[in-house]
Amino acid sequence: MNAFLVFWFPWFVLVVVVVFWAYGLVDFLNTDERDIRTFTRPVWLAILVFGSAVGAIAWLVAGRPRRQ
């Protein structure tokens, strides 16, 4: 049982991080440039690509348009 967790847990974490990053990237790509709150579109793209999950969190907190 312990060997099972040691092998699969890192893969599970990796999949969760990649899915979260992909969600942030797709959400960014579907957002109109006029609705982005803080930086310009190229800056946010660089943050998302190079920042991975931290970039996705930053996008969802600071860049994504507020929902009404």
PDB file of N, CA and C in Angstrom:
ATOM      1  N   MET A   1       0.825  -1.201   0.000  1.00  0.00           N
ATOM      2  CA  MET A   1       0.000   0.000   0.000  1.00  0.00           C
ATOM      3  C   MET A   1       0.865   1.258   0.000  1.00  0.00           C
ATOM      4  N   ASN A   2       1.884   1.296   0.832  1.00  0.00           N
ATOM      5  CA  ASN A   2       2.751   2.456   0.903  1.00  0.00           C
ATOM      6  C   ASN A   2       3.494   2.678  -0.406  1.00  0.00           C
ATOM      7  N   ALA A   3       3.958   1.604  -1.033  1.00  0.00           N
ATOM      8  CA  ALA A   3       4.654   1.724  -2.320  1.00  0.00           C
ATOM      9  C   ALA A   3       3.705   2.248  -3.385  1.00  0.00           C
ATOM     10  N   PHE A   4       2.454   1.864  -3.304  1.00  0.00           N
ATOM     11  CA  PHE A   4       1.453   2.351  -4.247  1.00  0.00           C
ATOM     12  C   PHE A   4       1.313   3.866  -4.143  1.00  0.00           C
ATOM     13  N   LEU A   5       1.209   4.387  -2.923  1.00  0.00           N
ATOM     14  CA  LEU A   5       1.078   5.827  -2.716  1.00  0.00           C
ATOM     15  C   LEU A   5       2.341   6.570  -3.124  1.00  0.00           C
ATOM     16  N   VAL A   6       3.491   6.004  -2.801  1.00  0.00           N
ATOM     17  CA  VAL A   6       4.751   6.659  -3.147  1.00  0.00           C
ATOM     18  C   VAL A   6       4.882   6.774  -4.654  1.00  0.00           C
ATOM     19  N   PHE A   7       4.417   5.801  -5.395  1.00  0.00           N
ATOM     20  CA  PHE A   7       4.519   5.853  -6.851  1.00  0.00           C
ATOM     21  C   PHE A   7       3.453   6.739  -7.477  1.00  0.00           C
ATOM     22  N   TRP A   8       2.201   6.625  -7.053  1.00  0.00           N
ATOM     23  CA  TRP A   8       1.096   7.298  -7.733  1.00  0.00           C
ATOM     24  C   TRP A   8       0.804   8.710  -7.255  1.00  0.00           C
ATOM     25  N   PHE A   9       1.108   9.043  -6.021  1.00  0.00           N
ATOM     26  CA  PHE A   9       0.788  10.378  -5.511  1.00  0.00           C
ATOM     27  C   PHE A   9       1.465  11.496  -6.299  1.00  0.00           C
ATOM     28  N   PRO A  10       2.751  11.411  -6.618  1.00  0.00           N
ATOM     29  CA  PRO A  10       3.356  12.476  -7.432  1.00  0.00           C
ATOM     30  C   PRO A  10       2.705  12.617  -8.809  1.00  0.00           C
ATOM     31  N   TRP A  11       2.308  11.509  -9.398  1.00  0.00           N
ATOM     32  CA  TRP A  11       1.623  11.586 -10.692  1.00  0.00           C
ATOM     33  C   TRP A  11       0.263  12.258 -10.555  1.00  0.00           C
ATOM     34  N   PHE A  12      -0.445  11.962  -9.490  1.00  0.00           N
ATOM     35  CA  PHE A  12      -1.733  12.592  -9.236  1.00  0.00           C
ATOM     36  C   PHE A  12      -1.575  14.101  -9.080  1.00  0.00           C
ATOM     37  N   VAL A  13      -0.581  14.520  -8.296  1.00  0.00           N
ATOM     38  CA  VAL A  13      -0.320  15.947  -8.103  1.00  0.00           C
ATOM     39  C   VAL A  13       0.039  16.599  -9.430  1.00  0.00           C
ATOM     40  N   LEU A  14       0.866  15.958 -10.221  1.00  0.00           N
ATOM     41  CA  LEU A  14       1.256  16.494 -11.519  1.00  0.00           C
ATOM     42  C   LEU A  14       0.052  16.675 -12.437  1.00  0.00           C
ATOM     43  N   VAL A  15      -0.828  15.707 -12.477  1.00  0.00           N
ATOM     44  CA  VAL A  15      -2.021  15.806 -13.320  1.00  0.00           C
ATOM     45  C   VAL A  15      -2.918  16.942 -12.852  1.00  0.00           C
ATOM     46  N   VAL A  16      -3.098  17.090 -11.556  1.00  0.00           N
ATOM     47  CA  VAL A  16      -3.932  18.174 -11.025  1.00  0.00           C
ATOM     48  C   VAL A  16      -3.337  19.529 -11.394  1.00  0.00           C
ATOM     49  N   VAL A  17      -2.031  19.690 -11.259  1.00  0.00           N
ATOM     50  CA  VAL A  17      -1.377  20.952 -11.586  1.00  0.00           C
ATOM     51  C   VAL A  17      -1.501  21.256 -13.073  1.00  0.00           C
ATOM     52  N   VAL A  18      -1.297  20.269 -13.928  1.00  0.00           N
ATOM     53  CA  VAL A  18      -1.394  20.481 -15.376  1.00  0.00           C
ATOM     54  C   VAL A  18      -2.820  20.829 -15.778  1.00  0.00           C
ATOM     55  N   VAL A  19      -3.801  20.166 -15.207  1.00  0.00           N
ATOM     56  CA  VAL A  19      -5.202  20.471 -15.529  1.00  0.00           C
ATOM     57  C   VAL A  19      -5.552  21.885 -15.066  1.00  0.00           C
ATOM     58  N   PHE A  20      -5.109  22.281 -13.889  1.00  0.00           N
ATOM     59  CA  PHE A  20      -5.371  23.633 -13.388  1.00  0.00           C
ATOM     60  C   PHE A  20      -4.712  24.674 -14.276  1.00  0.00           C
ATOM     61  N   TRP A  21      -3.464  24.426 -14.687  1.00  0.00           N
ATOM     62  CA  TRP A  21      -2.745  25.339 -15.580  1.00  0.00           C
ATOM     63  C   TRP A  21      -3.465  25.436 -16.933  1.00  0.00           C
ATOM     64  N   ALA A  22      -3.902  24.299 -17.459  1.00  0.00           N
ATOM     65  CA  ALA A  22      -4.606  24.300 -18.746  1.00  0.00           C
ATOM     66  C   ALA A  22      -5.915  25.070 -18.643  1.00  0.00           C
ATOM     67  N   TYR A  23      -6.635  24.922 -17.535  1.00  0.00           N
ATOM     68  CA  TYR A  23      -7.872  25.673 -17.343  1.00  0.00           C
ATOM     69  C   TYR A  23      -7.593  27.178 -17.357  1.00  0.00           C
ATOM     70  N   GLY A  24      -6.565  27.608 -16.641  1.00  0.00           N
ATOM     71  CA  GLY A  24      -6.215  29.028 -16.623  1.00  0.00           C
ATOM     72  C   GLY A  24      -5.820  29.530 -18.003  1.00  0.00           C
ATOM     73  N   LEU A  25      -5.060  28.733 -18.745  1.00  0.00           N
ATOM     74  CA  LEU A  25      -4.634  29.127 -20.088  1.00  0.00           C
ATOM     75  C   LEU A  25      -5.817  29.224 -21.047  1.00  0.00           C
ATOM     76  N   VAL A  26      -6.706  28.250 -21.015  1.00  0.00           N
ATOM     77  CA  VAL A  26      -7.883  28.274 -21.896  1.00  0.00           C
ATOM     78  C   VAL A  26      -8.799  29.433 -21.525  1.00  0.00           C
ATOM     79  N   ASP A  27      -8.974  29.674 -20.237  1.00  0.00           N
ATOM     80  CA  ASP A  27      -9.786  30.801 -19.804  1.00  0.00           C
ATOM     81  C   ASP A  27      -9.185  32.115 -20.296  1.00  0.00           C
ATOM     82  N   PHE A  28      -7.871  32.246 -20.207  1.00  0.00           N
ATOM     83  CA  PHE A  28      -7.186  33.438 -20.706  1.00  0.00           C
ATOM     84  C   PHE A  28      -7.388  33.593 -22.211  1.00  0.00           C
ATOM     85  N   LEU A  29      -7.221  32.526 -22.959  1.00  0.00           N
ATOM     86  CA  LEU A  29      -7.340  32.604 -24.414  1.00  0.00           C
ATOM     87  C   LEU A  29      -8.762  32.935 -24.862  1.00  0.00           C
ATOM     88  N   ASN A  30      -9.745  32.609 -24.055  1.00  0.00           N
ATOM     89  CA  ASN A  30     -11.135  32.899 -24.393  1.00  0.00           C
ATOM     90  C   ASN A  30     -11.606  34.259 -23.886  1.00  0.00           C
ATOM     91  N   THR A  31     -10.742  35.003 -23.200  1.00  0.00           N
ATOM     92  CA  THR A  31     -11.100  36.307 -22.657  1.00  0.00           C
ATOM     93  C   THR A  31     -10.742  37.397 -23.654  1.00  0.00           C
ATOM     94  N   ASP A  32     -11.670  38.301 -23.875  1.00  0.00           N
ATOM     95  CA  ASP A  32     -11.420  39.429 -24.765  1.00  0.00           C
ATOM     96  C   ASP A  32     -10.388  40.360 -24.135  1.00  0.00           C
ATOM     97  N   GLU A  33      -9.514  40.921 -24.961  1.00  0.00           N
ATOM     98  CA  GLU A  33      -8.433  41.761 -24.455  1.00  0.00           C
ATOM     99  C   GLU A  33      -8.954  42.980 -23.704  1.00  0.00           C
ATOM    100  N   ARG A  34     -10.100  43.493 -24.079  1.00  0.00           N
ATOM    101  CA  ARG A  34     -10.661  44.665 -23.392  1.00  0.00           C
ATOM    102  C   ARG A  34     -11.115  44.355 -21.973  1.00  0.00           C
ATOM    103  N   ASP A  35     -11.343  43.074 -21.685  1.00  0.00           N
ATOM    104  CA  ASP A  35     -11.845  42.681 -20.364  1.00  0.00           C
ATOM    105  C   ASP A  35     -10.742  42.331 -19.373  1.00  0.00           C
ATOM    106  N   ILE A  36      -9.496  42.219 -19.823  1.00  0.00           N
ATOM    107  CA  ILE A  36      -8.394  41.861 -18.937  1.00  0.00           C
ATOM    108  C   ILE A  36      -8.139  43.019 -17.979  1.00  0.00           C
ATOM    109  N   ARG A  37      -8.015  42.723 -16.694  1.00  0.00           N
ATOM    110  CA  ARG A  37      -7.978  43.769 -15.673  1.00  0.00           C
ATOM    111  C   ARG A  37      -6.640  44.448 -15.482  1.00  0.00           C
ATOM    112  N   THR A  38      -5.530  43.738 -15.483  1.00  0.00           N
ATOM    113  CA  THR A  38      -4.289  44.376 -15.052  1.00  0.00           C
ATOM    114  C   THR A  38      -3.280  44.550 -16.178  1.00  0.00           C
ATOM    115  N   PHE A  39      -2.556  43.529 -16.548  1.00  0.00           N
ATOM    116  CA  PHE A  39      -1.502  43.652 -17.537  1.00  0.00           C
ATOM    117  C   PHE A  39      -2.055  43.511 -18.953  1.00  0.00           C
ATOM    118  N   THR A  40      -1.170  43.680 -19.930  1.00  0.00           N
ATOM    119  CA  THR A  40      -1.573  43.482 -21.326  1.00  0.00           C
ATOM    120  C   THR A  40      -1.596  41.988 -21.639  1.00  0.00           C
ATOM    121  N   ARG A  41      -2.173  41.669 -22.779  1.00  0.00           N
ATOM    122  CA  ARG A  41      -2.307  40.270 -23.179  1.00  0.00           C
ATOM    123  C   ARG A  41      -0.948  39.548 -23.306  1.00  0.00           C
ATOM    124  N   PRO A  42       0.069  40.145 -23.949  1.00  0.00           N
ATOM    125  CA  PRO A  42       1.355  39.434 -24.036  1.00  0.00           C
ATOM    126  C   PRO A  42       2.016  39.190 -22.676  1.00  0.00           C
ATOM    127  N   VAL A  43       1.843  40.122 -21.757  1.00  0.00           N
ATOM    128  CA  VAL A  43       2.426  39.934 -20.418  1.00  0.00           C
ATOM    129  C   VAL A  43       1.734  38.783 -19.711  1.00  0.00           C
ATOM    130  N   TRP A  44       0.403  38.723 -19.800  1.00  0.00           N
ATOM    131  CA  TRP A  44      -0.320  37.624 -19.158  1.00  0.00           C
ATOM    132  C   TRP A  44       0.026  36.292 -19.802  1.00  0.00           C
ATOM    133  N   LEU A  45       0.216  36.273 -21.098  1.00  0.00           N
ATOM    134  CA  LEU A  45       0.598  35.025 -21.759  1.00  0.00           C
ATOM    135  C   LEU A  45       1.945  34.544 -21.242  1.00  0.00           C
ATOM    136  N   ALA A  46       2.902  35.450 -21.086  1.00  0.00           N
ATOM    137  CA  ALA A  46       4.214  35.073 -20.546  1.00  0.00           C
ATOM    138  C   ALA A  46       4.091  34.574 -19.109  1.00  0.00           C
ATOM    139  N   ILE A  47       3.265  35.241 -18.304  1.00  0.00           N
ATOM    140  CA  ILE A  47       3.073  34.813 -16.916  1.00  0.00           C
ATOM    141  C   ILE A  47       2.466  33.419 -16.873  1.00  0.00           C
ATOM    142  N   LEU A  48       1.494  33.164 -17.720  1.00  0.00           N
ATOM    143  CA  LEU A  48       0.845  31.853 -17.723  1.00  0.00           C
ATOM    144  C   LEU A  48       1.760  30.754 -18.246  1.00  0.00           C
ATOM    145  N   VAL A  49       2.509  31.044 -19.294  1.00  0.00           N
ATOM    146  CA  VAL A  49       3.362  30.010 -19.870  1.00  0.00           C
ATOM    147  C   VAL A  49       4.538  29.693 -18.954  1.00  0.00           C
ATOM    148  N   PHE A  50       5.198  30.723 -18.440  1.00  0.00           N
ATOM    149  CA  PHE A  50       6.385  30.492 -17.628  1.00  0.00           C
ATOM    150  C   PHE A  50       6.072  30.302 -16.148  1.00  0.00           C
ATOM    151  N   GLY A  51       4.896  30.709 -15.722  1.00  0.00           N
ATOM    152  CA  GLY A  51       4.553  30.616 -14.308  1.00  0.00           C
ATOM    153  C   GLY A  51       3.821  29.364 -13.918  1.00  0.00           C
ATOM    154  N   SER A  52       3.397  28.571 -14.899  1.00  0.00           N
ATOM    155  CA  SER A  52       2.697  27.316 -14.659  1.00  0.00           C
ATOM    156  C   SER A  52       1.479  27.532 -13.759  1.00  0.00           C
ATOM    157  N   ALA A  53       1.355  26.732 -12.710  1.00  0.00           N
ATOM    158  CA  ALA A  53       0.170  26.813 -11.851  1.00  0.00           C
ATOM    159  C   ALA A  53       0.129  28.132 -11.083  1.00  0.00           C
ATOM    160  N   VAL A  54       1.270  28.669 -10.718  1.00  0.00           N
ATOM    161  CA  VAL A  54       1.301  29.962 -10.026  1.00  0.00           C
ATOM    162  C   VAL A  54       0.801  31.057 -10.973  1.00  0.00           C
ATOM    163  N   GLY A  55       1.166  30.973 -12.239  1.00  0.00           N
ATOM    164  CA  GLY A  55       0.661  31.912 -13.234  1.00  0.00           C
ATOM    165  C   GLY A  55      -0.838  31.795 -13.416  1.00  0.00           C
ATOM    166  N   ALA A  56      -1.350  30.567 -13.373  1.00  0.00           N
ATOM    167  CA  ALA A  56      -2.797  30.364 -13.489  1.00  0.00           C
ATOM    168  C   ALA A  56      -3.528  30.947 -12.292  1.00  0.00           C
ATOM    169  N   ILE A  57      -2.970  30.779 -11.114  1.00  0.00           N
ATOM    170  CA  ILE A  57      -3.574  31.373  -9.919  1.00  0.00           C
ATOM    171  C   ILE A  57      -3.569  32.888 -10.036  1.00  0.00           C
ATOM    172  N   ALA A  58      -2.447  33.454 -10.486  1.00  0.00           N
ATOM    173  CA  ALA A  58      -2.365  34.908 -10.660  1.00  0.00           C
ATOM    174  C   ALA A  58      -3.399  35.388 -11.662  1.00  0.00           C
ATOM    175  N   TRP A  59      -3.576  34.653 -12.755  1.00  0.00           N
ATOM    176  CA  TRP A  59      -4.573  35.030 -13.756  1.00  0.00           C
ATOM    177  C   TRP A  59      -5.977  35.022 -13.152  1.00  0.00           C
ATOM    178  N   LEU A  60      -6.313  33.969 -12.438  1.00  0.00           N
ATOM    179  CA  LEU A  60      -7.659  33.850 -11.887  1.00  0.00           C
ATOM    180  C   LEU A  60      -7.929  34.893 -10.801  1.00  0.00           C
ATOM    181  N   VAL A  61      -6.891  35.320 -10.090  1.00  0.00           N
ATOM    182  CA  VAL A  61      -7.070  36.287  -9.016  1.00  0.00           C
ATOM    183  C   VAL A  61      -6.994  37.727  -9.524  1.00  0.00           C
ATOM    184  N   ALA A  62      -6.013  38.030 -10.383  1.00  0.00           N
ATOM    185  CA  ALA A  62      -5.732  39.424 -10.714  1.00  0.00           C
ATOM    186  C   ALA A  62      -6.035  39.825 -12.153  1.00  0.00           C
ATOM    187  N   GLY A  63      -6.142  38.891 -13.064  1.00  0.00           N
ATOM    188  CA  GLY A  63      -6.290  39.279 -14.454  1.00  0.00           C
ATOM    189  C   GLY A  63      -7.657  38.997 -15.057  1.00  0.00           C
ATOM    190  N   ARG A  64      -8.288  37.978 -14.579  1.00  0.00           N
ATOM    191  CA  ARG A  64      -9.571  37.552 -15.117  1.00  0.00           C
ATOM    192  C   ARG A  64     -10.640  38.623 -14.870  1.00  0.00           C
ATOM    193  N   PRO A  65     -11.504  38.830 -15.842  1.00  0.00           N
ATOM    194  CA  PRO A  65     -12.579  39.814 -15.604  1.00  0.00           C
ATOM    195  C   PRO A  65     -13.494  39.372 -14.465  1.00  0.00           C
ATOM    196  N   ARG A  66     -13.987  40.335 -13.738  1.00  0.00           N
ATOM    197  CA  ARG A  66     -14.912  40.011 -12.642  1.00  0.00           C
ATOM    198  C   ARG A  66     -16.235  39.540 -13.226  1.00  0.00           C
ATOM    199  N   ARG A  67     -16.776  38.506 -12.610  1.00  0.00           N
ATOM    200  CA  ARG A  67     -18.082  37.966 -13.032  1.00  0.00           C
ATOM    201  C   ARG A  67     -19.188  38.823 -12.441  1.00  0.00           C
ATOM    202  N   GLN A  68     -20.225  39.023 -13.203  1.00  0.00           N
ATOM    203  CA  GLN A  68     -21.321  39.887 -12.737  1.00  0.00           C
ATOM    204  C   GLN A  68     -22.486  39.089 -12.240  1.00  0.00           C
TER     205      GLN A  68
END
